[in-house]
Amino acid sequence: MLYPSKLKQGSHIRVIAPSRSFKIISDETREIAKKRFADMGITVSYSKHCDEIDDFVSSSIASRLEDLHEAFADKSVDGILTAIGGFNTNQLIDKIDYNLIKNNPKILCGFSDITCLCHAITAKTDVVTYSGPHFSSFGMAKGFDYTLDYFKKCLFNEEPYQVFPTKDVSNDAWFMDQENRTFTPNDGFWVLNEGQENTLTGKLIGGHVRCLSSLQGTKFWPSLKDCILFLEEDEETNAVLFDRLLQSLIHQEDFKYVKALIIGRFRPESEINRNLLEQIIQTKDALKKLPVIANFDIGHSTPIITYPIGGQISLTIRGRNQPIIKILEH
C-alpha cells in the first residue's frame, strides 16, 4: 500500500466538493472550520467549482472531476478534504485519472458518500485513503474535541493509536443550531460476538454500507481478503434494510476472507438497538466464528474517528469486556 505523507504545521489543504455542493454550507460553519485549521497552522484553499450548484444540489461531472484532478496534480496541495457528503460520487469513478493519483499520492479524507470514491481510488491505485470528518464537520462549534483528536492521531502522526469509545454522543442537527446541543452518555463498544481468535490483525476496509455496496460487481470493488470490515449507516436505514445490506455483502465471494466485523453507532431515527442488531447478527452463519463489535465511533453520529482505508488494524477481544482496537499503519 502507498501511504500519503502526513500533514504538519504549514501544510496546505484543498477543499473539493465531489458530491454535494459546498454552496449549502453556511458562512458561519465555513469560518469556524477555517479558524480550526488556522489554529493547527494549516492553510486552506477551495477548488474552482466547489460552490457550483445544480438541480441535484451538486455540480456537473466535468466540474467535479476537474477539481479532483487539479487537487492531486497541484504540487502545493498536501491534503484534500471533501466539503460534505451526498449521493453521487459513483458518477465519477469510471472517469478518474488513476495514474495521476498514483503518481501524486496525498491524503483524501471524507465520509458518507465519499466511501465510494475512497474505495475506488484505493482499489485502483493502492493509495491509502481516509474516512473521517469533512471540511464542513470542522465547523461544529461544540462537541468536536474527540473528532479533532483522532483526526490528528491519524493524519498528523505516524505512530499506532488505540481507539477508545467517546464519553458523550450527539445526534442533533448541529448545523441548524450551534448553541442548543444535546449530548447523551455513551455506553462504549458492544461485543456482539467474541469469535474464535483473541487477537487478530488485518487490512481496514469499509464505511457507509450503501455506498460500499454500490461498488459490488464492479472493477472498483475492494478486496476483502484478510480485512477487518467497518460498516456504518445513516438515518435513512432501519433494521430490515441494514439486514438486507449486510446479507448482500456476505454473499460476496471474498467475504469468506473477512477476519472481523466492526459496526458503527446507529442514529436513533433508524430504531436499531442492541437487541435488534444482535438478532440480525445471529441469523448470519458467516458471522458465527467472527468477532463482531458494534456501537463504534464511525459514521453519521457525532463524534467520529478518522481511519485509513487500506491501512492496518488490530483487534483484541477480552471476553465481554471492552475490546482493544488499534490502528497500526495509517
Protein backbone atom coordinates (compact mmCIF):
# COMPACT_ATOMS: atom_id res chain seq x y z
CA MET A 1 0.00 0.00 0.00
CA LEU A 2 1.06 3.60 -0.65
CA TYR A 3 0.69 5.81 2.41
CA PRO A 4 0.43 9.55 1.67
CA SER A 5 2.69 11.96 3.54
CA LYS A 6 1.28 13.23 6.82
CA LEU A 7 0.07 16.75 7.44
CA LYS A 8 2.13 19.14 9.54
CA GLN A 9 2.20 22.77 10.52
CA GLY A 10 2.47 24.74 7.30
CA SER A 11 0.62 22.16 5.17
CA HIS A 12 -1.91 23.21 2.55
CA ILE A 13 -5.36 21.59 2.37
CA ARG A 14 -7.63 21.84 -0.67
CA VAL A 15 -11.41 21.61 -0.16
CA ILE A 16 -13.29 19.90 -3.01
CA ALA A 17 -16.97 19.03 -3.48
CA PRO A 18 -17.14 15.69 -5.35
CA SER A 19 -20.66 15.02 -4.03
CA ARG A 20 -23.00 17.75 -2.78
CA SER A 21 -22.08 21.38 -3.39
CA PHE A 22 -20.12 23.44 -0.88
CA LYS A 23 -22.69 26.15 -1.59
CA ILE A 24 -25.05 24.68 1.02
CA ILE A 25 -22.53 25.19 3.84
CA SER A 26 -23.22 28.34 5.86
CA ASP A 27 -20.71 31.17 6.20
CA GLU A 28 -20.62 30.59 9.98
CA THR A 29 -19.68 26.92 9.52
CA ARG A 30 -17.00 27.82 6.99
CA GLU A 31 -15.43 30.42 9.26
CA ILE A 32 -15.33 28.13 12.31
CA ALA A 33 -13.75 25.37 10.18
CA LYS A 34 -11.22 27.72 8.62
CA LYS A 35 -10.18 29.01 12.05
CA ARG A 36 -9.71 25.46 13.34
CA PHE A 37 -7.26 24.76 10.54
CA ALA A 38 -5.52 28.09 11.06
CA ASP A 39 -5.05 27.13 14.72
CA MET A 40 -3.28 23.96 13.51
CA GLY A 41 -1.08 26.01 11.20
CA ILE A 42 -2.85 24.69 8.09
CA THR A 43 -3.59 26.81 5.02
CA VAL A 44 -6.95 26.17 3.30
CA SER A 45 -7.87 26.74 -0.34
CA TYR A 46 -11.04 25.92 -2.24
CA SER A 47 -11.48 24.21 -5.59
CA LYS A 48 -12.66 26.28 -8.52
CA HIS A 49 -16.09 24.65 -8.83
CA CYS A 50 -16.85 23.80 -5.17
CA ASP A 51 -19.65 26.39 -4.93
CA GLU A 52 -21.22 25.42 -8.23
CA ILE A 53 -24.74 24.07 -7.65
CA ASP A 54 -27.38 22.43 -9.85
CA ASP A 55 -30.88 20.98 -9.52
CA PHE A 56 -29.41 17.96 -7.69
CA VAL A 57 -27.60 20.14 -5.11
CA SER A 58 -24.34 19.04 -6.73
CA SER A 59 -22.39 20.17 -9.81
CA SER A 60 -21.53 18.74 -13.20
CA ILE A 61 -19.43 15.61 -13.51
CA ALA A 62 -16.89 17.60 -15.53
CA SER A 63 -16.57 20.24 -12.80
CA ARG A 64 -16.16 17.71 -10.01
CA LEU A 65 -13.58 15.72 -11.97
CA GLU A 66 -11.61 18.83 -12.84
CA ASP A 67 -11.43 19.86 -9.19
CA LEU A 68 -10.42 16.35 -8.05
CA HIS A 69 -7.70 16.03 -10.69
CA GLU A 70 -6.41 19.55 -10.10
CA ALA A 71 -6.13 18.95 -6.35
CA PHE A 72 -4.00 15.85 -6.86
CA ALA A 73 -1.90 17.48 -9.59
CA ASP A 74 -1.19 20.69 -7.64
CA LYS A 75 2.22 20.22 -6.01
CA SER A 76 1.41 22.85 -3.36
CA VAL A 77 -1.52 20.78 -2.02
CA ASP A 78 -0.63 18.38 0.80
CA GLY A 79 -4.08 17.03 1.60
CA ILE A 80 -7.63 17.05 0.25
CA LEU A 81 -10.81 17.31 2.31
CA THR A 82 -14.29 16.87 0.93
CA ALA A 83 -16.75 19.67 1.63
CA ILE A 84 -19.63 17.36 2.58
CA GLY A 85 -21.15 14.01 1.58
CA GLY A 86 -24.13 13.36 -0.66
CA PHE A 87 -25.18 10.74 -3.16
CA ASN A 88 -23.31 10.72 -6.46
CA THR A 89 -19.54 10.20 -6.29
CA ASN A 90 -20.09 6.92 -8.15
CA GLN A 91 -20.71 9.09 -11.23
CA LEU A 92 -17.00 9.94 -11.19
CA ILE A 93 -15.18 6.70 -10.57
CA ASP A 94 -15.04 5.37 -14.15
CA LYS A 95 -13.70 8.73 -15.38
CA ILE A 96 -10.91 9.37 -12.86
CA ASP A 97 -7.28 9.51 -13.97
CA TYR A 98 -5.98 6.92 -11.50
CA ASN A 99 -2.42 7.16 -12.78
CA LEU A 100 -2.42 10.84 -11.82
CA ILE A 101 -3.45 9.91 -8.28
CA LYS A 102 -0.96 7.04 -8.00
CA ASN A 103 1.85 9.34 -9.14
CA ASN A 104 0.77 12.08 -6.73
CA PRO A 105 -0.42 10.28 -3.59
CA LYS A 106 -1.84 12.59 -0.95
CA ILE A 107 -4.39 12.48 1.84
CA LEU A 108 -8.04 12.36 0.75
CA CYS A 109 -10.49 12.43 3.67
CA GLY A 110 -14.29 12.42 3.99
CA PHE A 111 -17.11 10.04 4.87
CA SER A 112 -20.65 9.04 3.91
CA ASP A 113 -20.89 9.16 0.08
CA ILE A 114 -17.11 9.67 -0.03
CA THR A 115 -16.87 5.97 0.96
CA CYS A 116 -17.45 5.10 -2.70
CA LEU A 117 -14.80 7.49 -4.01
CA CYS A 118 -12.18 6.49 -1.45
CA HIS A 119 -12.57 2.75 -2.01
CA ALA A 120 -12.45 3.12 -5.78
CA ILE A 121 -9.21 5.10 -5.52
CA THR A 122 -7.63 2.65 -3.08
CA ALA A 123 -8.72 -0.36 -5.17
CA LYS A 124 -7.31 1.11 -8.41
CA THR A 125 -4.10 2.71 -7.08
CA ASP A 126 -3.15 1.06 -3.75
CA VAL A 127 -3.07 4.58 -2.30
CA VAL A 128 -4.48 4.61 1.22
CA THR A 129 -7.44 6.99 1.60
CA TYR A 130 -9.18 8.12 4.77
CA SER A 131 -12.63 8.02 6.28
CA GLY A 132 -13.05 10.95 8.63
CA PRO A 133 -14.63 14.37 9.00
CA HIS A 134 -15.46 16.59 6.04
CA PHE A 135 -14.21 20.17 5.98
CA SER A 136 -17.73 21.22 6.98
CA SER A 137 -17.52 18.95 10.05
CA PHE A 138 -14.79 21.24 11.39
CA GLY A 139 -17.43 23.98 11.57
CA MET A 140 -19.04 22.24 14.57
CA ALA A 141 -18.64 24.69 17.45
CA LYS A 142 -19.26 22.22 20.30
CA GLY A 143 -18.59 18.52 20.81
CA PHE A 144 -15.78 18.29 18.27
CA ASP A 145 -12.79 17.57 20.52
CA TYR A 146 -12.88 13.76 20.14
CA THR A 147 -13.20 14.01 16.34
CA LEU A 148 -10.33 16.50 16.14
CA ASP A 149 -8.13 14.37 18.39
CA TYR A 150 -8.46 11.28 16.17
CA PHE A 151 -8.09 13.34 13.01
CA LYS A 152 -4.69 14.45 14.31
CA LYS A 153 -3.73 10.96 15.50
CA CYS A 154 -4.36 9.56 12.03
CA LEU A 155 -3.28 12.33 9.68
CA PHE A 156 -0.53 14.20 11.57
CA ASN A 157 1.35 11.31 13.20
CA GLU A 158 2.93 8.01 12.18
CA GLU A 159 2.51 6.18 15.49
CA PRO A 160 -0.16 3.49 16.01
CA TYR A 161 -3.11 4.67 18.06
CA GLN A 162 -5.73 2.92 20.15
CA VAL A 163 -9.39 3.82 19.69
CA PHE A 164 -11.29 4.43 22.92
CA PRO A 165 -15.06 4.99 22.95
CA THR A 166 -16.28 8.55 23.26
CA LYS A 167 -17.89 9.55 26.54
CA ASP A 168 -20.74 11.57 25.03
CA VAL A 169 -22.79 11.26 21.84
CA SER A 170 -24.87 13.75 19.86
CA ASN A 171 -27.29 13.10 17.03
CA ASP A 172 -28.73 16.59 16.67
CA ALA A 173 -28.67 18.81 13.57
CA TRP A 174 -25.77 20.86 14.95
CA PHE A 175 -25.51 22.98 11.80
CA MET A 176 -29.04 24.30 12.40
CA ASP A 177 -28.35 25.49 15.96
CA GLN A 178 -24.77 25.64 17.19
CA GLU A 179 -25.70 26.70 20.72
CA ASN A 180 -28.50 24.36 21.78
CA ARG A 181 -26.91 20.95 21.50
CA THR A 182 -27.96 17.65 23.10
CA PHE A 183 -25.32 15.20 24.35
CA THR A 184 -26.03 11.84 25.97
CA PRO A 185 -23.69 9.38 27.73
CA ASN A 186 -22.21 6.65 25.53
CA ASP A 187 -22.11 3.07 26.83
CA GLY A 188 -18.96 2.03 24.99
CA PHE A 189 -18.34 -0.65 22.39
CA TRP A 190 -20.68 -3.64 22.22
CA VAL A 191 -19.13 -7.11 21.88
CA LEU A 192 -21.86 -8.96 19.97
CA ASN A 193 -19.73 -11.96 19.12
CA GLU A 194 -16.36 -12.92 20.60
CA GLY A 195 -15.23 -15.05 17.66
CA GLN A 196 -12.57 -17.73 17.83
CA GLU A 197 -9.35 -15.66 18.00
CA ASN A 198 -8.38 -13.40 20.89
CA THR A 199 -6.11 -11.12 18.83
CA LEU A 200 -6.04 -10.61 15.08
CA THR A 201 -4.75 -8.07 12.58
CA GLY A 202 -5.94 -7.18 9.12
CA LYS A 203 -6.41 -4.62 6.40
CA LEU A 204 -9.04 -1.99 7.21
CA ILE A 205 -11.87 -1.76 4.67
CA GLY A 206 -15.31 -0.22 4.91
CA GLY A 207 -17.52 2.74 5.66
CA HIS A 208 -21.06 3.71 4.69
CA VAL A 209 -22.75 0.41 3.78
CA ARG A 210 -24.93 1.54 0.87
CA CYS A 211 -22.04 3.43 -0.73
CA LEU A 212 -19.71 0.46 -0.32
CA SER A 213 -22.38 -1.85 -1.73
CA SER A 214 -22.70 0.34 -4.82
CA LEU A 215 -19.27 -1.00 -5.85
CA GLN A 216 -20.32 -4.67 -5.78
CA GLY A 217 -19.74 -6.41 -9.08
CA THR A 218 -17.54 -3.61 -10.44
CA LYS A 219 -13.82 -3.27 -11.05
CA PHE A 220 -13.74 -0.81 -8.16
CA TRP A 221 -14.72 -3.37 -5.52
CA PRO A 222 -12.05 -3.55 -2.78
CA SER A 223 -10.56 -6.93 -1.94
CA LEU A 224 -11.90 -8.24 1.38
CA LYS A 225 -9.03 -10.70 1.80
CA ASP A 226 -7.72 -10.65 5.39
CA CYS A 227 -9.66 -7.48 6.17
CA ILE A 228 -11.39 -6.15 9.25
CA LEU A 229 -14.58 -4.67 7.87
CA PHE A 230 -16.08 -1.41 9.13
CA LEU A 231 -19.77 -0.77 8.42
CA GLU A 232 -21.96 2.21 9.28
CA GLU A 233 -25.23 3.73 8.14
CA ASP A 234 -27.20 6.97 8.36
CA GLU A 235 -30.70 7.93 9.49
CA GLU A 236 -32.30 6.62 6.28
CA THR A 237 -31.75 2.99 7.23
CA ASN A 238 -33.68 0.69 9.57
CA ALA A 239 -33.27 -2.85 10.87
CA VAL A 240 -34.65 -4.69 7.84
CA LEU A 241 -32.72 -2.55 5.35
CA PHE A 242 -29.47 -2.99 7.27
CA ASP A 243 -30.09 -6.74 7.42
CA ARG A 244 -30.51 -6.85 3.64
CA LEU A 245 -27.37 -4.78 3.03
CA LEU A 246 -25.32 -6.94 5.39
CA GLN A 247 -26.58 -10.13 3.76
CA SER A 248 -25.68 -8.77 0.34
CA LEU A 249 -22.11 -8.13 1.49
CA ILE A 250 -21.89 -11.63 2.96
CA HIS A 251 -22.83 -13.02 -0.46
CA GLN A 252 -19.69 -11.51 -1.98
CA GLU A 253 -17.27 -14.25 -2.97
CA ASP A 254 -14.40 -12.79 -0.94
CA PHE A 255 -16.40 -12.19 2.25
CA LYS A 256 -15.14 -15.58 3.44
CA TYR A 257 -11.75 -13.89 3.98
CA VAL A 258 -13.10 -11.22 6.36
CA LYS A 259 -11.49 -11.56 9.80
CA ALA A 260 -13.80 -9.39 11.93
CA LEU A 261 -16.73 -7.00 11.66
CA ILE A 262 -16.93 -3.60 13.39
CA ILE A 263 -20.24 -1.73 13.13
CA GLY A 264 -20.71 1.99 13.72
CA ARG A 265 -23.16 3.66 16.06
CA PHE A 266 -26.68 3.90 14.62
CA ARG A 267 -28.70 7.09 14.71
CA PRO A 268 -31.93 6.99 16.75
CA GLU A 269 -34.05 7.51 13.62
CA SER A 270 -33.05 4.02 12.44
CA GLU A 271 -34.59 2.47 15.57
CA ILE A 272 -31.81 -0.14 15.54
CA ASN A 273 -30.98 -1.02 19.14
CA ARG A 274 -28.59 -3.60 20.56
CA ASN A 275 -31.27 -6.30 20.77
CA LEU A 276 -32.30 -5.95 17.12
CA LEU A 277 -28.68 -5.84 15.98
CA GLU A 278 -27.84 -8.99 17.94
CA GLN A 279 -30.78 -10.75 16.30
CA ILE A 280 -29.56 -9.71 12.84
CA ILE A 281 -26.03 -10.95 13.57
CA GLN A 282 -27.30 -14.27 14.92
CA THR A 283 -29.05 -15.07 11.63
CA LYS A 284 -25.77 -14.92 9.66
CA ASP A 285 -23.93 -18.24 9.57
CA ALA A 286 -20.92 -16.46 8.01
CA LEU A 287 -20.52 -14.40 11.19
CA LYS A 288 -20.74 -17.15 13.79
CA LYS A 289 -16.94 -17.56 14.04
CA LEU A 290 -16.05 -13.88 13.60
CA PRO A 291 -15.59 -11.22 16.26
CA VAL A 292 -18.38 -8.66 15.86
CA ILE A 293 -18.13 -5.28 17.61
CA ALA A 294 -20.80 -2.54 17.41
CA ASN A 295 -21.54 0.98 18.66
CA PHE A 296 -18.17 2.07 17.29
CA ASP A 297 -17.38 5.75 16.73
CA ILE A 298 -17.71 5.93 12.95
CA GLY A 299 -20.46 7.20 10.70
CA HIS A 300 -23.27 9.68 10.96
CA SER A 301 -23.39 10.17 14.72
CA THR A 302 -21.12 12.66 16.49
CA PRO A 303 -18.23 12.26 17.24
CA ILE A 304 -16.21 10.04 14.90
CA ILE A 305 -12.66 8.82 14.43
CA THR A 306 -10.52 9.10 11.31
CA TYR A 307 -9.24 5.79 9.92
CA PRO A 308 -7.17 4.60 6.92
CA ILE A 309 -8.91 2.68 4.14
CA GLY A 310 -6.33 0.07 3.18
CA GLY A 311 -4.34 0.58 6.39
CA GLN A 312 -3.65 -1.99 9.11
CA ILE A 313 -5.69 -2.56 12.27
CA SER A 314 -5.55 -4.95 15.22
CA LEU A 315 -8.40 -6.21 17.40
CA THR A 316 -8.07 -7.93 20.76
CA ILE A 317 -11.17 -9.49 22.31
CA ARG A 318 -11.27 -9.81 26.11
CA GLY A 319 -14.50 -11.70 26.61
CA ARG A 320 -17.37 -9.26 27.05
CA ASN A 321 -15.05 -6.54 28.34
CA GLN A 322 -14.16 -3.59 26.15
CA PRO A 323 -12.06 -4.78 23.17
CA ILE A 324 -8.68 -3.27 22.34
CA ILE A 325 -8.78 -1.72 18.86
CA LYS A 326 -5.59 -0.21 17.44
CA ILE A 327 -4.87 1.45 14.10
CA LEU A 328 -1.38 0.17 13.32
CA GLU A 329 -0.42 1.58 9.92
CA HIS A 330 -2.06 4.70 8.58
